[in-house]
Amino acid sequence: MNKQKQVEQQLEQALSEGRWKLFERLPAERQLAEELKVNRTTLRFALSALAGRGILETVHGSGTRVRALPSEHPAQSDLPDRLSACRLIVPPIIRASSLAIRPSQILSLERLLPVAGAALRSDDTKAFVQAQIQFFMEAASFVGNTSLCAALAACLPDGKSLARLFHACGLQENEALFAHLARILSAMRHADAEDAQAAALAYFSELQALEEKK
């Protein structure tokens, strides 16, 4: 077993033992690398691998946090069920967030759209997926309800399943998904909760249709 895999297993074990809770941020890379006695490059590859599996979530400038505990990690075959669940759960969460969101919080969402757009243009599926997952997790956090955030994290598809789906899609379909995100953000910016909810429903309906067509 190579060093990266060892680090992945160490991190998963720490998560399983409860060292870090759901949505909690991990220590800074330098501190974590020293603790695990590996260089930061190896650590980054391990963190990236866990992020790709939907367990961790890394945001440039914000560090890495727990998105799903290993025992909660969804099976890839669950994707259709999870998309159906998202169509029911996410739109009301987005509506509630639209009613509670503050201007400073809008800015954090606005920073994610260019990241997703750049990833789409450069055909960086992994970054495109991560930006979209982060968008919904970030939006849900503005409601200020930990149980809602936990419910969302439990039903959102993992990064690997979404990446596989996006790979099977054409540029036009991925651009349509990006347009739904932009519509959600625009509606939230204007405190239009109804349109934000409708746009979130359209987003997950589109994903569901793509999965059924695959």
N, C-alpha and C. Protein backbone atom coordinates (compact mmCIF):
# COMPACT_ATOMS: atom_id res chain seq x y z
N MET A 1 0.84 -1.20 0.00
CA MET A 1 0.00 0.00 0.00
C MET A 1 0.88 1.24 0.00
N ASN A 2 0.59 2.19 -0.93
CA ASN A 2 1.41 3.38 -0.98
C ASN A 2 1.03 4.35 0.14
N LYS A 3 1.86 5.39 0.29
CA LYS A 3 1.69 6.33 1.40
C LYS A 3 0.37 7.08 1.32
N GLN A 4 -0.04 7.44 0.11
CA GLN A 4 -1.29 8.18 -0.03
C GLN A 4 -2.47 7.36 0.49
N LYS A 5 -2.52 6.07 0.13
CA LYS A 5 -3.60 5.20 0.57
C LYS A 5 -3.59 5.06 2.10
N GLN A 6 -2.38 5.00 2.67
CA GLN A 6 -2.27 4.90 4.12
C GLN A 6 -2.86 6.14 4.79
N VAL A 7 -2.56 7.30 4.21
CA VAL A 7 -3.08 8.55 4.77
C VAL A 7 -4.61 8.59 4.63
N GLU A 8 -5.13 8.16 3.48
CA GLU A 8 -6.58 8.10 3.30
C GLU A 8 -7.21 7.24 4.38
N GLN A 9 -6.62 6.07 4.64
CA GLN A 9 -7.18 5.17 5.65
C GLN A 9 -7.10 5.78 7.04
N GLN A 10 -5.99 6.48 7.33
CA GLN A 10 -5.84 7.13 8.63
C GLN A 10 -6.91 8.20 8.84
N LEU A 11 -7.18 8.96 7.78
CA LEU A 11 -8.18 10.02 7.88
C LEU A 11 -9.58 9.42 8.03
N GLU A 12 -9.87 8.38 7.26
CA GLU A 12 -11.17 7.72 7.38
C GLU A 12 -11.36 7.13 8.77
N GLN A 13 -10.29 6.54 9.31
CA GLN A 13 -10.38 5.97 10.65
C GLN A 13 -10.66 7.05 11.69
N ALA A 14 -9.98 8.20 11.54
CA ALA A 14 -10.21 9.31 12.46
C ALA A 14 -11.65 9.82 12.38
N LEU A 15 -12.18 9.86 11.17
CA LEU A 15 -13.57 10.29 11.00
C LEU A 15 -14.53 9.28 11.63
N SER A 16 -14.27 8.00 11.42
CA SER A 16 -15.13 6.96 11.98
C SER A 16 -15.11 6.98 13.50
N GLU A 17 -13.97 7.36 14.07
CA GLU A 17 -13.84 7.41 15.53
C GLU A 17 -14.39 8.70 16.13
N GLY A 18 -14.84 9.61 15.25
CA GLY A 18 -15.47 10.84 15.75
C GLY A 18 -14.54 11.98 16.03
N ARG A 19 -13.32 11.92 15.50
CA ARG A 19 -12.40 13.04 15.76
C ARG A 19 -12.95 14.35 15.19
N TRP A 20 -13.52 14.26 13.97
CA TRP A 20 -14.13 15.43 13.36
C TRP A 20 -15.59 15.12 13.09
N LYS A 21 -16.44 16.08 13.39
CA LYS A 21 -17.87 15.91 13.19
C LYS A 21 -18.28 16.37 11.79
N LEU A 22 -19.51 16.07 11.43
CA LEU A 22 -20.04 16.48 10.14
C LEU A 22 -19.98 18.00 10.02
N PHE A 23 -19.45 18.48 8.89
CA PHE A 23 -19.29 19.90 8.55
C PHE A 23 -18.13 20.58 9.28
N GLU A 24 -17.46 19.86 10.17
CA GLU A 24 -16.33 20.47 10.89
C GLU A 24 -15.12 20.59 9.96
N ARG A 25 -14.36 21.67 10.13
CA ARG A 25 -13.16 21.86 9.33
C ARG A 25 -12.00 21.06 9.90
N LEU A 26 -11.21 20.48 9.01
CA LEU A 26 -10.01 19.78 9.42
C LEU A 26 -8.92 20.78 9.76
N PRO A 27 -7.89 20.36 10.49
CA PRO A 27 -6.78 21.28 10.77
C PRO A 27 -6.11 21.74 9.47
N ALA A 28 -5.33 22.79 9.56
CA ALA A 28 -4.59 23.29 8.40
C ALA A 28 -3.68 22.20 7.85
N GLU A 29 -3.42 22.26 6.55
CA GLU A 29 -2.62 21.22 5.89
C GLU A 29 -1.27 21.01 6.57
N ARG A 30 -0.60 22.10 6.92
CA ARG A 30 0.73 21.97 7.53
C ARG A 30 0.64 21.20 8.84
N GLN A 31 -0.33 21.54 9.68
CA GLN A 31 -0.49 20.86 10.96
C GLN A 31 -0.84 19.39 10.76
N LEU A 32 -1.75 19.12 9.82
CA LEU A 32 -2.18 17.74 9.58
C LEU A 32 -1.04 16.90 8.99
N ALA A 33 -0.27 17.49 8.09
CA ALA A 33 0.86 16.77 7.49
C ALA A 33 1.90 16.42 8.54
N GLU A 34 2.17 17.35 9.47
CA GLU A 34 3.13 17.08 10.54
C GLU A 34 2.63 15.97 11.45
N GLU A 35 1.35 16.01 11.74
CA GLU A 35 0.77 15.00 12.63
C GLU A 35 0.84 13.61 12.00
N LEU A 36 0.56 13.53 10.70
CA LEU A 36 0.57 12.24 10.00
C LEU A 36 1.95 11.84 9.50
N LYS A 37 2.91 12.76 9.68
CA LYS A 37 4.30 12.50 9.28
C LYS A 37 4.43 12.21 7.79
N VAL A 38 3.76 13.06 6.98
CA VAL A 38 3.86 12.97 5.53
C VAL A 38 4.10 14.37 4.97
N ASN A 39 4.54 14.45 3.72
CA ASN A 39 4.69 15.77 3.13
C ASN A 39 3.32 16.28 2.68
N ARG A 40 3.25 17.57 2.45
CA ARG A 40 1.95 18.19 2.15
C ARG A 40 1.40 17.75 0.79
N THR A 41 2.29 17.38 -0.14
CA THR A 41 1.82 16.91 -1.44
C THR A 41 1.06 15.60 -1.30
N THR A 42 1.61 14.67 -0.52
CA THR A 42 0.93 13.39 -0.28
C THR A 42 -0.40 13.62 0.42
N LEU A 43 -0.38 14.52 1.40
CA LEU A 43 -1.62 14.83 2.12
C LEU A 43 -2.67 15.39 1.18
N ARG A 44 -2.26 16.31 0.30
CA ARG A 44 -3.22 16.91 -0.64
C ARG A 44 -3.84 15.86 -1.55
N PHE A 45 -3.03 14.91 -2.01
CA PHE A 45 -3.57 13.86 -2.87
C PHE A 45 -4.59 13.01 -2.09
N ALA A 46 -4.30 12.74 -0.84
CA ALA A 46 -5.23 11.95 -0.01
C ALA A 46 -6.52 12.72 0.24
N LEU A 47 -6.40 14.00 0.55
CA LEU A 47 -7.59 14.83 0.77
C LEU A 47 -8.42 14.92 -0.50
N SER A 48 -7.72 15.05 -1.64
CA SER A 48 -8.41 15.14 -2.92
C SER A 48 -9.16 13.85 -3.23
N ALA A 49 -8.55 12.72 -2.92
CA ALA A 49 -9.19 11.42 -3.16
C ALA A 49 -10.46 11.28 -2.32
N LEU A 50 -10.38 11.70 -1.06
CA LEU A 50 -11.55 11.62 -0.19
C LEU A 50 -12.62 12.63 -0.61
N ALA A 51 -12.19 13.76 -1.13
CA ALA A 51 -13.16 14.74 -1.65
C ALA A 51 -13.87 14.18 -2.88
N GLY A 52 -13.12 13.49 -3.73
CA GLY A 52 -13.70 12.88 -4.91
C GLY A 52 -14.72 11.81 -4.59
N ARG A 53 -14.60 11.22 -3.41
CA ARG A 53 -15.55 10.20 -2.97
C ARG A 53 -16.70 10.81 -2.17
N GLY A 54 -16.69 12.12 -2.03
CA GLY A 54 -17.79 12.79 -1.36
C GLY A 54 -17.69 12.83 0.15
N ILE A 55 -16.56 12.38 0.73
CA ILE A 55 -16.40 12.35 2.18
C ILE A 55 -15.93 13.70 2.70
N LEU A 56 -14.97 14.29 2.00
CA LEU A 56 -14.47 15.62 2.36
C LEU A 56 -14.84 16.62 1.29
N GLU A 57 -14.66 17.88 1.62
CA GLU A 57 -14.98 18.96 0.70
C GLU A 57 -13.92 20.03 0.89
N THR A 58 -13.15 20.32 -0.16
CA THR A 58 -12.09 21.30 -0.08
C THR A 58 -12.45 22.52 -0.92
N VAL A 59 -12.37 23.69 -0.29
CA VAL A 59 -12.68 24.95 -0.96
C VAL A 59 -11.46 25.84 -0.87
N HIS A 60 -11.02 26.34 -2.01
CA HIS A 60 -9.83 27.18 -2.03
C HIS A 60 -10.02 28.39 -1.12
N GLY A 61 -9.08 28.57 -0.22
CA GLY A 61 -9.13 29.71 0.69
C GLY A 61 -9.94 29.45 1.95
N SER A 62 -10.66 28.32 1.99
CA SER A 62 -11.50 28.03 3.16
C SER A 62 -11.12 26.73 3.86
N GLY A 63 -10.20 25.97 3.28
CA GLY A 63 -9.78 24.73 3.90
C GLY A 63 -10.65 23.55 3.53
N THR A 64 -10.54 22.50 4.32
CA THR A 64 -11.25 21.24 4.06
C THR A 64 -12.18 20.93 5.22
N ARG A 65 -13.40 20.52 4.91
CA ARG A 65 -14.33 20.15 5.97
C ARG A 65 -14.99 18.82 5.64
N VAL A 66 -15.65 18.26 6.64
CA VAL A 66 -16.29 16.95 6.50
C VAL A 66 -17.65 17.13 5.83
N ARG A 67 -17.84 16.45 4.73
CA ARG A 67 -19.14 16.50 4.04
C ARG A 67 -20.00 15.30 4.37
N ALA A 68 -19.39 14.14 4.55
CA ALA A 68 -20.14 12.93 4.91
C ALA A 68 -19.20 12.01 5.67
N LEU A 69 -19.69 11.42 6.74
CA LEU A 69 -18.89 10.46 7.47
C LEU A 69 -18.79 9.17 6.66
N PRO A 70 -17.68 8.43 6.79
CA PRO A 70 -17.50 7.23 5.96
C PRO A 70 -18.67 6.26 6.00
N SER A 71 -19.28 6.10 7.17
CA SER A 71 -20.41 5.17 7.28
C SER A 71 -21.64 5.67 6.56
N GLU A 72 -21.66 7.02 6.30
CA GLU A 72 -22.80 7.61 5.62
C GLU A 72 -22.56 7.76 4.13
N HIS A 73 -21.36 7.40 3.69
CA HIS A 73 -20.99 7.62 2.30
C HIS A 73 -21.91 6.84 1.37
N PRO A 74 -22.56 7.47 0.40
CA PRO A 74 -23.56 6.79 -0.43
C PRO A 74 -22.95 5.84 -1.45
N ALA A 75 -23.63 4.76 -1.69
CA ALA A 75 -23.19 3.84 -2.74
C ALA A 75 -23.51 4.46 -4.09
N GLN A 76 -22.66 4.17 -5.07
CA GLN A 76 -22.84 4.77 -6.39
C GLN A 76 -24.18 4.35 -7.01
N SER A 77 -24.66 3.14 -6.68
CA SER A 77 -25.91 2.67 -7.25
C SER A 77 -27.12 3.43 -6.70
N ASP A 78 -26.91 4.24 -5.65
CA ASP A 78 -28.00 4.99 -5.04
C ASP A 78 -28.30 6.30 -5.77
N LEU A 79 -27.57 6.60 -6.82
CA LEU A 79 -27.70 7.90 -7.46
C LEU A 79 -29.15 8.23 -7.86
N PRO A 80 -29.90 7.36 -8.54
CA PRO A 80 -31.28 7.72 -8.89
C PRO A 80 -32.13 8.05 -7.67
N ASP A 81 -32.00 7.24 -6.61
CA ASP A 81 -32.77 7.49 -5.39
C ASP A 81 -32.38 8.81 -4.74
N ARG A 82 -31.10 9.11 -4.77
CA ARG A 82 -30.63 10.35 -4.14
C ARG A 82 -31.09 11.58 -4.93
N LEU A 83 -31.12 11.47 -6.22
CA LEU A 83 -31.60 12.59 -7.02
C LEU A 83 -33.10 12.81 -6.79
N SER A 84 -33.84 11.72 -6.65
CA SER A 84 -35.27 11.85 -6.33
C SER A 84 -35.46 12.52 -4.98
N ALA A 85 -34.62 12.13 -4.01
CA ALA A 85 -34.70 12.74 -2.68
C ALA A 85 -34.36 14.22 -2.74
N CYS A 86 -33.36 14.55 -3.54
CA CYS A 86 -32.94 15.95 -3.67
C CYS A 86 -34.06 16.82 -4.25
N ARG A 87 -34.82 16.26 -5.19
CA ARG A 87 -35.93 17.03 -5.78
C ARG A 87 -36.97 17.39 -4.72
N LEU A 88 -37.09 16.55 -3.70
CA LEU A 88 -38.05 16.81 -2.63
C LEU A 88 -37.48 17.70 -1.53
N ILE A 89 -36.21 17.50 -1.21
CA ILE A 89 -35.61 18.15 -0.04
C ILE A 89 -34.97 19.51 -0.35
N VAL A 90 -34.24 19.58 -1.47
CA VAL A 90 -33.42 20.77 -1.70
C VAL A 90 -34.24 22.03 -2.02
N PRO A 91 -35.24 21.98 -2.90
CA PRO A 91 -35.97 23.22 -3.21
C PRO A 91 -36.54 23.95 -1.99
N PRO A 92 -37.17 23.24 -1.03
CA PRO A 92 -37.64 23.96 0.16
C PRO A 92 -36.49 24.56 0.99
N ILE A 93 -35.35 23.86 1.02
CA ILE A 93 -34.20 24.40 1.75
C ILE A 93 -33.72 25.69 1.09
N ILE A 94 -33.65 25.67 -0.24
CA ILE A 94 -33.23 26.86 -0.98
C ILE A 94 -34.23 28.00 -0.75
N ARG A 95 -35.49 27.68 -0.70
CA ARG A 95 -36.50 28.71 -0.44
C ARG A 95 -36.29 29.33 0.94
N ALA A 96 -36.08 28.49 1.94
CA ALA A 96 -35.86 28.99 3.30
C ALA A 96 -34.58 29.82 3.37
N SER A 97 -33.55 29.37 2.67
CA SER A 97 -32.29 30.12 2.65
C SER A 97 -32.48 31.49 2.01
N SER A 98 -33.29 31.56 0.95
CA SER A 98 -33.53 32.82 0.26
C SER A 98 -34.18 33.85 1.18
N LEU A 99 -34.97 33.37 2.12
CA LEU A 99 -35.66 34.26 3.06
C LEU A 99 -34.75 34.69 4.22
N ALA A 100 -33.68 33.92 4.45
CA ALA A 100 -32.81 34.19 5.60
C ALA A 100 -31.46 34.79 5.23
N ILE A 101 -31.09 34.69 3.97
CA ILE A 101 -29.73 35.04 3.56
C ILE A 101 -29.42 36.52 3.72
N ARG A 102 -28.16 36.82 4.09
CA ARG A 102 -27.70 38.19 4.25
C ARG A 102 -26.78 38.56 3.07
N PRO A 103 -26.57 39.86 2.81
CA PRO A 103 -25.72 40.27 1.68
C PRO A 103 -24.33 39.66 1.71
N SER A 104 -23.73 39.56 2.88
CA SER A 104 -22.38 38.99 2.97
C SER A 104 -22.38 37.52 2.57
N GLN A 105 -23.49 36.84 2.85
CA GLN A 105 -23.59 35.43 2.49
C GLN A 105 -23.82 35.25 0.99
N ILE A 106 -24.53 36.19 0.40
CA ILE A 106 -24.69 36.17 -1.06
C ILE A 106 -23.33 36.19 -1.74
N LEU A 107 -22.41 36.98 -1.19
CA LEU A 107 -21.07 37.09 -1.78
C LEU A 107 -20.35 35.75 -1.80
N SER A 108 -20.54 34.95 -0.76
CA SER A 108 -19.86 33.64 -0.72
C SER A 108 -20.38 32.72 -1.82
N LEU A 109 -21.68 32.84 -2.15
CA LEU A 109 -22.23 32.06 -3.26
C LEU A 109 -21.76 32.62 -4.60
N GLU A 110 -21.68 33.94 -4.69
CA GLU A 110 -21.24 34.57 -5.94
C GLU A 110 -19.83 34.18 -6.31
N ARG A 111 -19.00 33.87 -5.32
CA ARG A 111 -17.63 33.46 -5.61
C ARG A 111 -17.56 32.06 -6.21
N LEU A 112 -18.60 31.26 -5.96
CA LEU A 112 -18.58 29.88 -6.45
C LEU A 112 -18.97 29.77 -7.92
N LEU A 113 -19.80 30.70 -8.41
CA LEU A 113 -20.24 30.61 -9.80
C LEU A 113 -19.09 30.74 -10.80
N PRO A 114 -18.17 31.72 -10.63
CA PRO A 114 -17.03 31.79 -11.56
C PRO A 114 -16.15 30.54 -11.51
N VAL A 115 -16.03 29.94 -10.32
CA VAL A 115 -15.25 28.70 -10.19
C VAL A 115 -15.89 27.60 -11.03
N ALA A 116 -17.22 27.47 -10.90
CA ALA A 116 -17.93 26.45 -11.69
C ALA A 116 -17.85 26.75 -13.18
N GLY A 117 -17.99 28.03 -13.53
CA GLY A 117 -17.91 28.41 -14.94
C GLY A 117 -16.55 28.14 -15.55
N ALA A 118 -15.49 28.48 -14.81
CA ALA A 118 -14.13 28.23 -15.30
C ALA A 118 -13.87 26.74 -15.45
N ALA A 119 -14.37 25.95 -14.49
CA ALA A 119 -14.20 24.49 -14.57
C ALA A 119 -14.94 23.92 -15.77
N LEU A 120 -16.10 24.46 -16.05
CA LEU A 120 -16.88 24.00 -17.20
C LEU A 120 -16.14 24.31 -18.51
N ARG A 121 -15.59 25.51 -18.60
CA ARG A 121 -14.88 25.90 -19.83
C ARG A 121 -13.60 25.09 -20.04
N SER A 122 -12.93 24.74 -18.94
CA SER A 122 -11.67 24.00 -19.04
C SER A 122 -11.86 22.48 -18.99
N ASP A 123 -13.14 22.05 -18.96
CA ASP A 123 -13.48 20.63 -18.93
C ASP A 123 -12.90 19.94 -17.68
N ASP A 124 -12.90 20.67 -16.56
CA ASP A 124 -12.43 20.14 -15.29
C ASP A 124 -13.66 19.64 -14.52
N THR A 125 -14.06 18.41 -14.81
CA THR A 125 -15.30 17.87 -14.23
C THR A 125 -15.27 17.84 -12.72
N LYS A 126 -14.12 17.47 -12.16
CA LYS A 126 -14.03 17.37 -10.71
C LYS A 126 -14.30 18.72 -10.04
N ALA A 127 -13.68 19.77 -10.55
CA ALA A 127 -13.89 21.10 -9.97
C ALA A 127 -15.31 21.58 -10.21
N PHE A 128 -15.87 21.23 -11.36
CA PHE A 128 -17.25 21.60 -11.67
C PHE A 128 -18.22 20.95 -10.67
N VAL A 129 -17.98 19.68 -10.38
CA VAL A 129 -18.81 18.95 -9.42
C VAL A 129 -18.67 19.55 -8.02
N GLN A 130 -17.44 19.77 -7.59
CA GLN A 130 -17.20 20.27 -6.24
C GLN A 130 -17.83 21.64 -6.04
N ALA A 131 -17.75 22.50 -7.06
CA ALA A 131 -18.33 23.83 -6.94
C ALA A 131 -19.84 23.75 -6.77
N GLN A 132 -20.47 22.82 -7.47
CA GLN A 132 -21.93 22.69 -7.37
C GLN A 132 -22.36 22.12 -6.02
N ILE A 133 -21.64 21.10 -5.55
CA ILE A 133 -21.95 20.55 -4.23
C ILE A 133 -21.76 21.63 -3.16
N GLN A 134 -20.66 22.36 -3.26
CA GLN A 134 -20.38 23.42 -2.29
C GLN A 134 -21.46 24.50 -2.33
N PHE A 135 -21.98 24.79 -3.52
CA PHE A 135 -23.02 25.82 -3.66
C PHE A 135 -24.23 25.46 -2.80
N PHE A 136 -24.70 24.23 -2.92
CA PHE A 136 -25.90 23.83 -2.18
C PHE A 136 -25.63 23.68 -0.69
N MET A 137 -24.45 23.17 -0.33
CA MET A 137 -24.12 23.05 1.09
C MET A 137 -23.99 24.44 1.72
N GLU A 138 -23.38 25.35 0.99
CA GLU A 138 -23.20 26.72 1.50
C GLU A 138 -24.56 27.40 1.65
N ALA A 139 -25.41 27.26 0.64
CA ALA A 139 -26.73 27.88 0.70
C ALA A 139 -27.55 27.34 1.87
N ALA A 140 -27.48 26.03 2.09
CA ALA A 140 -28.24 25.43 3.19
C ALA A 140 -27.77 25.93 4.55
N SER A 141 -26.47 26.19 4.67
CA SER A 141 -25.92 26.61 5.97
C SER A 141 -26.48 27.95 6.42
N PHE A 142 -26.99 28.76 5.47
CA PHE A 142 -27.49 30.10 5.82
C PHE A 142 -28.81 30.04 6.57
N VAL A 143 -29.49 28.89 6.52
CA VAL A 143 -30.75 28.74 7.26
C VAL A 143 -30.47 28.67 8.75
N GLY A 144 -29.25 28.21 9.10
CA GLY A 144 -28.87 28.13 10.50
C GLY A 144 -29.47 26.95 11.24
N ASN A 145 -29.76 25.88 10.51
CA ASN A 145 -30.35 24.70 11.10
C ASN A 145 -29.45 23.50 10.80
N THR A 146 -28.77 22.99 11.82
CA THR A 146 -27.82 21.89 11.62
C THR A 146 -28.50 20.63 11.09
N SER A 147 -29.72 20.37 11.54
CA SER A 147 -30.43 19.17 11.08
C SER A 147 -30.73 19.22 9.60
N LEU A 148 -31.09 20.42 9.10
CA LEU A 148 -31.33 20.58 7.66
C LEU A 148 -30.05 20.33 6.87
N CYS A 149 -28.95 20.86 7.37
CA CYS A 149 -27.66 20.66 6.68
C CYS A 149 -27.28 19.19 6.67
N ALA A 150 -27.53 18.51 7.77
CA ALA A 150 -27.23 17.07 7.84
C ALA A 150 -28.09 16.29 6.86
N ALA A 151 -29.37 16.67 6.76
CA ALA A 151 -30.28 16.00 5.82
C ALA A 151 -29.81 16.21 4.38
N LEU A 152 -29.36 17.41 4.09
CA LEU A 152 -28.88 17.70 2.73
C LEU A 152 -27.62 16.91 2.43
N ALA A 153 -26.68 16.91 3.37
CA ALA A 153 -25.43 16.16 3.16
C ALA A 153 -25.71 14.67 2.96
N ALA A 154 -26.74 14.17 3.63
CA ALA A 154 -27.06 12.75 3.52
C ALA A 154 -27.69 12.39 2.19
N CYS A 155 -28.36 13.34 1.54
CA CYS A 155 -29.06 12.99 0.29
C CYS A 155 -28.32 13.44 -0.97
N LEU A 156 -27.44 14.43 -0.87
CA LEU A 156 -26.71 14.87 -2.05
C LEU A 156 -25.86 13.72 -2.61
N PRO A 157 -25.82 13.55 -3.92
CA PRO A 157 -24.96 12.51 -4.51
C PRO A 157 -23.49 12.79 -4.20
N ASP A 158 -22.69 11.72 -4.14
CA ASP A 158 -21.26 11.92 -3.92
C ASP A 158 -20.59 12.42 -5.19
N GLY A 159 -19.41 13.00 -5.02
CA GLY A 159 -18.69 13.63 -6.12
C GLY A 159 -18.37 12.68 -7.26
N LYS A 160 -18.01 11.44 -6.92
CA LYS A 160 -17.62 10.49 -7.98
C LYS A 160 -18.82 10.14 -8.86
N SER A 161 -19.99 9.94 -8.24
CA SER A 161 -21.19 9.60 -9.02
C SER A 161 -21.59 10.74 -9.93
N LEU A 162 -21.52 11.97 -9.40
CA LEU A 162 -21.86 13.13 -10.23
C LEU A 162 -20.85 13.32 -11.36
N ALA A 163 -19.58 13.15 -11.05
CA ALA A 163 -18.55 13.30 -12.08
C ALA A 163 -18.76 12.31 -13.21
N ARG A 164 -19.12 11.09 -12.86
CA ARG A 164 -19.37 10.07 -13.87
C ARG A 164 -20.56 10.47 -14.74
N LEU A 165 -21.59 11.03 -14.10
CA LEU A 165 -22.78 11.47 -14.84
C LEU A 165 -22.44 12.62 -15.76
N PHE A 166 -21.69 13.60 -15.25
CA PHE A 166 -21.32 14.76 -16.07
C PHE A 166 -20.43 14.38 -17.24
N HIS A 167 -19.57 13.37 -17.02
CA HIS A 167 -18.71 12.90 -18.11
C HIS A 167 -19.55 12.33 -19.25
N ALA A 168 -20.68 11.73 -18.88
CA ALA A 168 -21.54 11.13 -19.90
C ALA A 168 -22.40 12.16 -20.62
N CYS A 169 -22.41 13.37 -20.11
CA CYS A 169 -23.22 14.43 -20.71
C CYS A 169 -22.40 15.27 -21.69
N GLY A 170 -23.08 15.98 -22.53
CA GLY A 170 -22.41 16.89 -23.44
C GLY A 170 -22.28 18.28 -22.82
N LEU A 171 -21.56 19.14 -23.50
CA LEU A 171 -21.35 20.50 -23.00
C LEU A 171 -22.67 21.23 -22.82
N GLN A 172 -23.60 21.04 -23.75
CA GLN A 172 -24.88 21.73 -23.68
C GLN A 172 -25.65 21.40 -22.41
N GLU A 173 -25.63 20.11 -22.02
CA GLU A 173 -26.35 19.70 -20.80
C GLU A 173 -25.69 20.28 -19.56
N ASN A 174 -24.34 20.28 -19.53
CA ASN A 174 -23.65 20.85 -18.38
C ASN A 174 -23.86 22.36 -18.30
N GLU A 175 -23.93 23.01 -19.45
CA GLU A 175 -24.21 24.46 -19.46
C GLU A 175 -25.62 24.74 -18.92
N ALA A 176 -26.55 23.83 -19.20
CA ALA A 176 -27.92 23.99 -18.69
C ALA A 176 -27.94 23.90 -17.17
N LEU A 177 -27.14 22.99 -16.61
CA LEU A 177 -27.05 22.88 -15.16
C LEU A 177 -26.46 24.16 -14.56
N PHE A 178 -25.42 24.67 -15.21
CA PHE A 178 -24.80 25.91 -14.74
C PHE A 178 -25.82 27.06 -14.78
N ALA A 179 -26.64 27.09 -15.82
CA ALA A 179 -27.65 28.15 -15.95
C ALA A 179 -28.67 28.07 -14.81
N HIS A 180 -29.01 26.85 -14.38
CA HIS A 180 -29.93 26.71 -13.24
C HIS A 180 -29.30 27.27 -11.97
N LEU A 181 -28.00 27.01 -11.78
CA LEU A 181 -27.31 27.56 -10.61
C LEU A 181 -27.34 29.08 -10.64
N ALA A 182 -27.05 29.63 -11.82
CA ALA A 182 -27.05 31.09 -11.96
C ALA A 182 -28.43 31.67 -11.67
N ARG A 183 -29.48 30.94 -12.08
CA ARG A 183 -30.84 31.41 -11.82
C ARG A 183 -31.15 31.36 -10.32
N ILE A 184 -30.70 30.29 -9.64
CA ILE A 184 -30.90 30.20 -8.19
C ILE A 184 -30.24 31.39 -7.50
N LEU A 185 -28.99 31.66 -7.87
CA LEU A 185 -28.26 32.77 -7.25
C LEU A 185 -28.95 34.10 -7.51
N SER A 186 -29.39 34.32 -8.74
CA SER A 186 -30.07 35.57 -9.08
C SER A 186 -31.34 35.74 -8.26
N ALA A 187 -32.10 34.65 -8.11
CA ALA A 187 -33.34 34.73 -7.33
C ALA A 187 -33.04 35.00 -5.86
N MET A 188 -32.01 34.38 -5.33
CA MET A 188 -31.65 34.61 -3.94
C MET A 188 -31.16 36.04 -3.73
N ARG A 189 -30.44 36.54 -4.72
CA ARG A 189 -29.94 37.91 -4.64
C ARG A 189 -31.09 38.91 -4.55
N HIS A 190 -32.20 38.58 -5.22
CA HIS A 190 -33.36 39.47 -5.24
C HIS A 190 -34.44 39.05 -4.23
N ALA A 191 -34.05 38.14 -3.34
CA ALA A 191 -34.97 37.66 -2.30
C ALA A 191 -36.26 37.09 -2.88
N ASP A 192 -36.16 36.48 -4.06
CA ASP A 192 -37.32 35.87 -4.71
C ASP A 192 -37.31 34.38 -4.35
N ALA A 193 -37.87 34.07 -3.20
CA ALA A 193 -37.83 32.71 -2.68
C ALA A 193 -38.53 31.71 -3.59
N GLU A 194 -39.63 32.13 -4.19
CA GLU A 194 -40.39 31.21 -5.05
C GLU A 194 -39.59 30.82 -6.29
N ASP A 195 -38.94 31.80 -6.90
CA ASP A 195 -38.15 31.50 -8.10
C ASP A 195 -36.91 30.68 -7.75
N ALA A 196 -36.31 30.98 -6.60
CA ALA A 196 -35.14 30.21 -6.16
C ALA A 196 -35.52 28.75 -5.96
N GLN A 197 -36.69 28.52 -5.36
CA GLN A 197 -37.17 27.15 -5.16
C GLN A 197 -37.43 26.47 -6.50
N ALA A 198 -38.06 27.20 -7.42
CA ALA A 198 -38.36 26.63 -8.73
C ALA A 198 -37.08 26.30 -9.50
N ALA A 199 -36.07 27.16 -9.38
CA ALA A 199 -34.80 26.93 -10.08
C ALA A 199 -34.07 25.72 -9.50
N ALA A 200 -34.13 25.55 -8.18
CA ALA A 200 -33.51 24.39 -7.55
C ALA A 200 -34.20 23.10 -7.99
N LEU A 201 -35.52 23.15 -8.10
CA LEU A 201 -36.27 21.99 -8.58
C LEU A 201 -35.89 21.67 -10.03
N ALA A 202 -35.74 22.72 -10.84
CA ALA A 202 -35.35 22.53 -12.24
C ALA A 202 -33.96 21.91 -12.34
N TYR A 203 -33.05 22.34 -11.46
CA TYR A 203 -31.68 21.80 -11.46
C TYR A 203 -31.70 20.30 -11.22
N PHE A 204 -32.38 19.87 -10.16
CA PHE A 204 -32.36 18.45 -9.83
C PHE A 204 -33.24 17.63 -10.77
N SER A 205 -34.26 18.24 -11.34
CA SER A 205 -35.05 17.56 -12.36
C SER A 205 -34.19 17.30 -13.59
N GLU A 206 -33.35 18.27 -13.93
CA GLU A 206 -32.43 18.12 -15.07
C GLU A 206 -31.44 16.99 -14.80
N LEU A 207 -30.88 16.95 -13.59
CA LEU A 207 -29.95 15.89 -13.23
C LEU A 207 -30.64 14.52 -13.30
N GLN A 208 -31.85 14.46 -12.81
CA GLN A 208 -32.60 13.21 -12.83
C GLN A 208 -32.86 12.74 -14.26
N ALA A 209 -33.21 13.69 -15.12
CA ALA A 209 -33.45 13.35 -16.53
C ALA A 209 -32.17 12.85 -17.20
N LEU A 210 -31.05 13.46 -16.88
CA LEU A 210 -29.77 13.04 -17.46
C LEU A 210 -29.40 11.63 -16.99
N GLU A 211 -29.67 11.35 -15.72
CA GLU A 211 -29.38 10.02 -15.18
C GLU A 211 -30.26 8.96 -15.85
N GLU A 212 -31.53 9.29 -16.06
CA GLU A 212 -32.44 8.33 -16.70
C GLU A 212 -32.09 8.09 -18.16
N LYS A 213 -31.53 9.12 -18.79
CA LYS A 213 -31.17 9.02 -20.22
C LYS A 213 -29.85 8.30 -20.42
N LYS A 214 -29.03 8.28 -19.38
CA LYS A 214 -27.65 7.75 -19.49
C LYS A 214 -27.63 6.29 -19.94
